N, C-alpha and C. Protein backbone atom coordinates (compact mmCIF):
# COMPACT_ATOMS: atom_id res chain seq x y z
N MET A 1 71.79 -37.99 -27.19
CA MET A 1 70.39 -38.09 -27.25
C MET A 1 69.65 -37.48 -26.15
N ALA A 2 68.72 -36.56 -26.68
CA ALA A 2 67.76 -35.73 -25.65
C ALA A 2 66.80 -36.78 -25.28
N LEU A 3 66.60 -36.61 -23.81
CA LEU A 3 65.57 -37.39 -23.12
C LEU A 3 64.32 -36.70 -22.86
N MET A 4 64.38 -35.47 -22.12
CA MET A 4 63.12 -34.72 -21.89
C MET A 4 63.68 -33.32 -21.22
N ALA A 5 62.59 -32.59 -21.09
CA ALA A 5 62.81 -31.25 -20.53
C ALA A 5 62.91 -31.47 -18.98
N LEU A 6 63.94 -30.85 -18.26
CA LEU A 6 64.14 -31.06 -16.94
C LEU A 6 62.81 -30.47 -16.12
N ALA A 7 62.26 -29.55 -16.68
CA ALA A 7 60.96 -28.94 -16.02
C ALA A 7 59.79 -29.96 -16.00
N ASP A 8 59.92 -30.99 -16.91
CA ASP A 8 58.73 -31.93 -16.80
C ASP A 8 58.96 -33.03 -15.56
N VAL A 9 60.02 -32.71 -14.69
CA VAL A 9 60.42 -33.80 -13.56
C VAL A 9 60.10 -32.96 -12.28
N PRO A 10 59.03 -33.11 -11.65
CA PRO A 10 59.05 -32.25 -10.43
C PRO A 10 59.97 -32.68 -9.16
N GLU A 11 60.37 -31.79 -8.51
CA GLU A 11 61.47 -31.77 -7.39
C GLU A 11 61.02 -33.15 -6.67
N ASP A 12 61.95 -34.03 -6.31
CA ASP A 12 61.97 -35.14 -5.52
C ASP A 12 60.96 -36.21 -6.03
N ASP A 13 60.99 -36.23 -7.43
CA ASP A 13 60.17 -37.13 -8.18
C ASP A 13 60.91 -37.80 -9.33
N ALA A 14 60.34 -38.58 -10.30
CA ALA A 14 61.00 -39.11 -11.34
C ALA A 14 60.02 -39.26 -12.57
N ARG A 15 60.59 -39.20 -13.62
CA ARG A 15 59.82 -39.53 -14.87
C ARG A 15 60.50 -40.54 -15.91
N GLY A 16 59.86 -41.35 -16.43
CA GLY A 16 60.52 -42.40 -17.32
C GLY A 16 60.42 -41.86 -18.90
N VAL A 17 61.41 -42.54 -19.57
CA VAL A 17 61.54 -42.10 -21.05
C VAL A 17 61.96 -43.24 -21.65
N THR A 18 61.50 -43.48 -22.78
CA THR A 18 61.83 -44.64 -23.67
C THR A 18 62.39 -44.14 -25.13
N ILE A 19 63.47 -44.56 -25.35
CA ILE A 19 64.26 -44.08 -26.68
C ILE A 19 64.37 -45.27 -27.53
N ARG A 20 64.19 -45.11 -28.81
CA ARG A 20 64.26 -46.25 -29.81
C ARG A 20 65.95 -46.06 -30.22
N ASP A 21 66.50 -47.27 -29.99
CA ASP A 21 67.96 -47.29 -30.47
C ASP A 21 67.80 -48.50 -31.70
N GLY A 22 67.72 -48.20 -32.94
CA GLY A 22 67.67 -49.06 -33.89
C GLY A 22 66.51 -49.98 -33.71
N ALA A 23 66.37 -51.40 -33.43
CA ALA A 23 65.26 -52.02 -33.11
C ALA A 23 65.04 -52.19 -31.61
N LYS A 24 66.07 -51.66 -30.91
CA LYS A 24 65.70 -51.80 -29.45
C LYS A 24 65.12 -50.64 -28.92
N MET A 25 64.31 -50.83 -27.80
CA MET A 25 63.83 -49.84 -26.94
C MET A 25 64.55 -49.68 -25.66
N ARG A 26 65.19 -48.53 -25.38
CA ARG A 26 65.88 -48.34 -24.19
C ARG A 26 65.00 -47.46 -23.16
N LYS A 27 64.99 -47.81 -22.05
CA LYS A 27 64.19 -47.14 -20.93
C LYS A 27 65.31 -46.37 -19.90
N PHE A 28 64.84 -45.33 -19.54
CA PHE A 28 65.47 -44.35 -18.61
C PHE A 28 64.62 -43.77 -17.68
N VAL A 29 65.20 -43.35 -16.53
CA VAL A 29 64.46 -42.69 -15.39
C VAL A 29 65.32 -41.34 -15.11
N VAL A 30 64.68 -40.15 -15.46
CA VAL A 30 65.23 -39.09 -14.99
C VAL A 30 64.73 -38.53 -13.63
N LEU A 31 65.56 -38.37 -12.76
CA LEU A 31 65.18 -38.19 -11.24
C LEU A 31 65.64 -36.78 -10.96
N ARG A 32 64.84 -36.02 -9.96
CA ARG A 32 65.26 -34.88 -9.43
C ARG A 32 65.15 -35.22 -7.89
N TRP A 33 66.16 -35.14 -7.18
CA TRP A 33 66.09 -35.54 -5.77
C TRP A 33 67.18 -34.72 -4.89
N LYS A 34 66.46 -33.93 -4.00
CA LYS A 34 67.08 -33.21 -3.10
C LYS A 34 68.04 -32.04 -3.98
N GLY A 35 67.59 -31.37 -5.04
CA GLY A 35 68.18 -30.62 -5.73
C GLY A 35 69.35 -31.10 -6.71
N GLU A 36 69.35 -32.31 -6.93
CA GLU A 36 70.41 -33.20 -7.76
C GLU A 36 69.51 -33.77 -8.87
N THR A 37 70.03 -33.74 -10.07
CA THR A 37 69.53 -34.55 -11.21
C THR A 37 70.29 -35.70 -11.54
N ILE A 38 69.52 -36.82 -11.66
CA ILE A 38 70.20 -38.21 -11.72
C ILE A 38 69.47 -38.93 -12.96
N VAL A 39 70.13 -39.74 -13.76
CA VAL A 39 69.59 -40.48 -14.84
C VAL A 39 70.11 -41.94 -14.58
N TYR A 40 69.14 -42.67 -14.53
CA TYR A 40 69.42 -44.20 -14.25
C TYR A 40 68.77 -44.94 -15.50
N ARG A 41 69.30 -46.08 -15.85
CA ARG A 41 68.58 -46.88 -16.87
C ARG A 41 67.39 -47.53 -15.98
N ASN A 42 66.19 -47.46 -16.75
CA ASN A 42 64.99 -48.06 -15.95
C ASN A 42 65.00 -49.52 -16.13
N ARG A 43 65.89 -50.19 -15.26
CA ARG A 43 66.06 -51.57 -15.25
C ARG A 43 66.48 -52.14 -14.14
N CYS A 44 65.87 -53.09 -13.36
CA CYS A 44 66.23 -53.65 -12.25
C CYS A 44 67.39 -54.39 -12.18
N PRO A 45 68.51 -54.34 -11.46
CA PRO A 45 69.61 -55.27 -11.76
C PRO A 45 69.31 -56.75 -11.37
N HIS A 46 68.25 -56.84 -10.64
CA HIS A 46 67.94 -58.34 -10.18
C HIS A 46 67.39 -59.16 -11.56
N ALA A 47 66.35 -58.57 -12.14
CA ALA A 47 65.57 -59.22 -13.31
C ALA A 47 65.69 -58.60 -14.57
N GLY A 48 66.03 -57.30 -14.59
CA GLY A 48 66.16 -56.76 -15.87
C GLY A 48 64.76 -55.90 -16.47
N THR A 49 64.00 -56.15 -15.50
CA THR A 49 62.58 -55.45 -15.84
C THR A 49 62.52 -53.97 -15.49
N PRO A 50 61.65 -53.21 -16.07
CA PRO A 50 61.46 -51.86 -15.50
C PRO A 50 61.14 -51.78 -14.37
N LEU A 51 61.40 -50.52 -13.69
CA LEU A 51 61.17 -50.57 -12.32
C LEU A 51 59.71 -50.02 -11.86
N ASP A 52 59.29 -49.09 -12.79
CA ASP A 52 57.89 -48.50 -12.53
C ASP A 52 56.80 -49.64 -12.63
N TRP A 53 55.94 -49.33 -11.58
CA TRP A 53 54.67 -50.23 -11.55
C TRP A 53 53.63 -49.82 -12.42
N ILE A 54 53.41 -48.54 -12.75
CA ILE A 54 52.61 -47.80 -13.57
C ILE A 54 53.40 -46.62 -14.20
N PRO A 55 53.30 -46.06 -15.40
CA PRO A 55 54.17 -45.17 -15.95
C PRO A 55 54.51 -44.08 -14.82
N ASP A 56 55.69 -43.64 -14.89
CA ASP A 56 56.31 -42.57 -13.92
C ASP A 56 55.94 -42.72 -12.45
N ARG A 57 55.72 -43.96 -12.07
CA ARG A 57 55.60 -44.28 -10.58
C ARG A 57 56.84 -45.12 -10.14
N PHE A 58 57.88 -44.42 -9.62
CA PHE A 58 59.14 -44.97 -9.30
C PHE A 58 59.31 -45.04 -7.74
N PHE A 59 58.54 -44.38 -7.14
CA PHE A 59 58.81 -44.29 -5.56
C PHE A 59 57.79 -45.13 -4.85
N ASP A 60 58.39 -45.63 -3.65
CA ASP A 60 57.42 -46.40 -2.68
C ASP A 60 56.47 -45.36 -2.06
N ARG A 61 55.57 -45.99 -1.23
CA ARG A 61 54.64 -45.24 -0.60
C ARG A 61 55.18 -44.11 0.23
N SER A 62 56.26 -44.15 0.78
CA SER A 62 56.82 -43.30 1.73
C SER A 62 57.45 -42.17 0.85
N GLY A 63 57.76 -42.38 -0.49
CA GLY A 63 58.30 -41.25 -1.37
C GLY A 63 59.88 -41.17 -1.12
N ASP A 64 60.55 -42.15 -0.24
CA ASP A 64 61.77 -42.07 0.14
C ASP A 64 62.72 -42.94 -0.83
N PHE A 65 62.19 -43.96 -1.28
CA PHE A 65 63.00 -44.95 -2.08
C PHE A 65 62.50 -45.22 -3.31
N ILE A 66 63.52 -45.35 -4.45
CA ILE A 66 62.78 -45.97 -5.72
C ILE A 66 62.40 -47.37 -5.37
N PHE A 67 61.42 -47.79 -6.21
CA PHE A 67 60.91 -49.18 -5.90
C PHE A 67 60.68 -50.03 -6.95
N CYS A 68 61.23 -51.25 -7.02
CA CYS A 68 60.94 -52.10 -8.15
C CYS A 68 59.63 -52.80 -8.00
N ALA A 69 58.80 -52.69 -9.01
CA ALA A 69 57.44 -53.17 -8.92
C ALA A 69 57.40 -54.61 -9.19
N THR A 70 58.38 -55.15 -9.77
CA THR A 70 58.64 -56.61 -10.19
C THR A 70 58.77 -57.43 -8.91
N HIS A 71 59.91 -57.14 -8.12
CA HIS A 71 60.20 -58.00 -7.06
C HIS A 71 60.30 -57.23 -5.79
N GLY A 72 59.93 -56.09 -5.67
CA GLY A 72 59.93 -55.18 -4.48
C GLY A 72 61.16 -54.64 -3.77
N ALA A 73 62.18 -54.62 -4.71
CA ALA A 73 63.47 -54.20 -4.27
C ALA A 73 63.31 -52.58 -3.94
N SER A 74 64.16 -51.95 -3.03
CA SER A 74 64.17 -50.69 -2.68
C SER A 74 65.62 -50.19 -2.81
N PHE A 75 65.56 -48.99 -3.62
CA PHE A 75 66.95 -48.43 -3.91
C PHE A 75 67.07 -46.97 -3.47
N GLU A 76 68.19 -46.62 -2.91
CA GLU A 76 68.38 -45.15 -2.54
C GLU A 76 68.36 -44.25 -3.74
N PRO A 77 67.55 -43.27 -3.82
CA PRO A 77 67.50 -42.42 -5.03
C PRO A 77 68.70 -41.82 -5.40
N ASP A 78 69.52 -41.33 -4.29
CA ASP A 78 70.77 -40.59 -4.74
C ASP A 78 71.95 -41.50 -5.00
N THR A 79 72.12 -42.92 -4.84
CA THR A 79 73.11 -43.53 -5.17
C THR A 79 72.78 -44.82 -6.07
N GLY A 80 71.46 -45.10 -6.08
CA GLY A 80 70.90 -46.34 -6.81
C GLY A 80 71.22 -47.50 -6.09
N LEU A 81 71.72 -47.54 -4.84
CA LEU A 81 72.01 -48.78 -4.18
C LEU A 81 70.77 -49.48 -3.59
N CYS A 82 70.79 -50.75 -3.91
CA CYS A 82 69.82 -51.62 -3.58
C CYS A 82 69.85 -51.85 -1.91
N ILE A 83 68.93 -51.42 -1.08
CA ILE A 83 69.02 -51.66 0.27
C ILE A 83 67.99 -52.77 0.78
N ASP A 84 67.09 -53.23 -0.04
CA ASP A 84 66.23 -54.27 0.38
C ASP A 84 65.71 -55.06 -0.82
N GLY A 85 65.51 -56.20 -0.65
CA GLY A 85 64.82 -57.03 -1.77
C GLY A 85 65.83 -58.04 -2.26
N PRO A 86 65.60 -58.64 -3.35
CA PRO A 86 66.49 -59.66 -3.91
C PRO A 86 67.84 -59.25 -4.42
N CYS A 87 68.00 -58.15 -4.47
CA CYS A 87 69.48 -57.38 -5.29
C CYS A 87 70.06 -56.67 -4.26
N VAL A 88 70.15 -56.84 -2.96
CA VAL A 88 70.79 -56.08 -2.01
C VAL A 88 72.25 -55.90 -2.39
N GLY A 89 72.75 -54.81 -2.20
CA GLY A 89 74.09 -54.52 -2.55
C GLY A 89 74.33 -54.14 -4.06
N ASP A 90 73.52 -54.57 -4.95
CA ASP A 90 73.47 -54.12 -6.43
C ASP A 90 73.14 -52.70 -6.41
N VAL A 91 73.64 -52.04 -7.54
CA VAL A 91 73.16 -50.53 -7.93
C VAL A 91 72.45 -50.47 -9.28
N LEU A 92 71.56 -49.46 -9.41
CA LEU A 92 71.14 -49.07 -10.68
C LEU A 92 72.36 -48.55 -11.57
N ASP A 93 72.14 -48.85 -12.86
CA ASP A 93 73.11 -48.26 -13.80
C ASP A 93 72.81 -46.85 -13.96
N ARG A 94 73.63 -46.02 -13.54
CA ARG A 94 73.76 -44.52 -13.53
C ARG A 94 74.21 -44.17 -15.00
N CYS A 95 73.57 -43.04 -15.63
CA CYS A 95 74.18 -42.68 -16.87
C CYS A 95 74.54 -41.25 -16.74
N LYS A 96 75.56 -41.14 -17.80
CA LYS A 96 76.07 -39.52 -17.78
C LYS A 96 75.29 -38.78 -18.64
N PHE A 97 75.09 -37.55 -18.30
CA PHE A 97 74.16 -36.73 -19.04
C PHE A 97 74.55 -35.28 -18.85
N THR A 98 73.89 -34.41 -19.83
CA THR A 98 74.21 -32.94 -19.74
C THR A 98 72.66 -32.23 -19.64
N ILE A 99 72.78 -30.98 -19.21
CA ILE A 99 71.55 -30.26 -19.28
C ILE A 99 72.03 -29.13 -19.91
N ASP A 100 71.52 -28.86 -21.23
CA ASP A 100 71.62 -27.75 -21.95
C ASP A 100 70.27 -27.01 -22.34
N ASP A 101 70.10 -25.77 -21.90
CA ASP A 101 68.78 -25.07 -22.36
C ASP A 101 67.60 -25.85 -21.77
N GLY A 102 67.73 -26.40 -20.52
CA GLY A 102 66.84 -27.02 -19.73
C GLY A 102 66.30 -28.54 -20.37
N ILE A 103 67.19 -29.06 -21.13
CA ILE A 103 66.88 -30.30 -21.79
C ILE A 103 67.95 -31.34 -21.29
N VAL A 104 67.51 -32.40 -20.73
CA VAL A 104 68.31 -33.48 -20.27
C VAL A 104 68.72 -34.45 -21.38
N THR A 105 70.11 -34.41 -21.70
CA THR A 105 70.69 -35.20 -22.94
C THR A 105 71.70 -36.22 -22.46
N LEU A 106 71.61 -37.37 -22.76
CA LEU A 106 72.64 -38.50 -22.50
C LEU A 106 73.90 -38.10 -23.09
N ALA A 107 74.97 -38.24 -22.29
CA ALA A 107 76.27 -37.75 -22.89
C ALA A 107 77.10 -39.18 -23.26
N GLU A 108 76.44 -40.13 -23.32
CA GLU A 108 77.26 -41.31 -23.63
C GLU A 108 76.42 -42.18 -24.69
N PRO A 109 76.83 -43.06 -25.47
CA PRO A 109 76.09 -43.94 -26.42
C PRO A 109 75.15 -44.58 -25.67
N LEU A 110 74.02 -45.10 -26.19
CA LEU A 110 72.96 -46.19 -25.62
C LEU A 110 73.63 -47.32 -25.52
């Protein structure tokens, strides 16, 4: 399932995308960080809520960590590891994907 064009995600930033899976809506984060592309489910491991506090705002003020707007958890962008907040030690769900002709596509079922 295609998520978005990689060109729509600035370097060292992230963009969110919502995909309809039957009656369910699935949220993802496409991240470009230090030359690497990463896709996570847009879901905090602590509460299951989306991470962004407003659409496409995933980073803390420093721009160094993914930040959960619901409970203030901080995650390392490259590993998804929670380093601060109520879910320390948990990790974001990383998704397998491919990039073909500049389009980020999930490589696994929703």
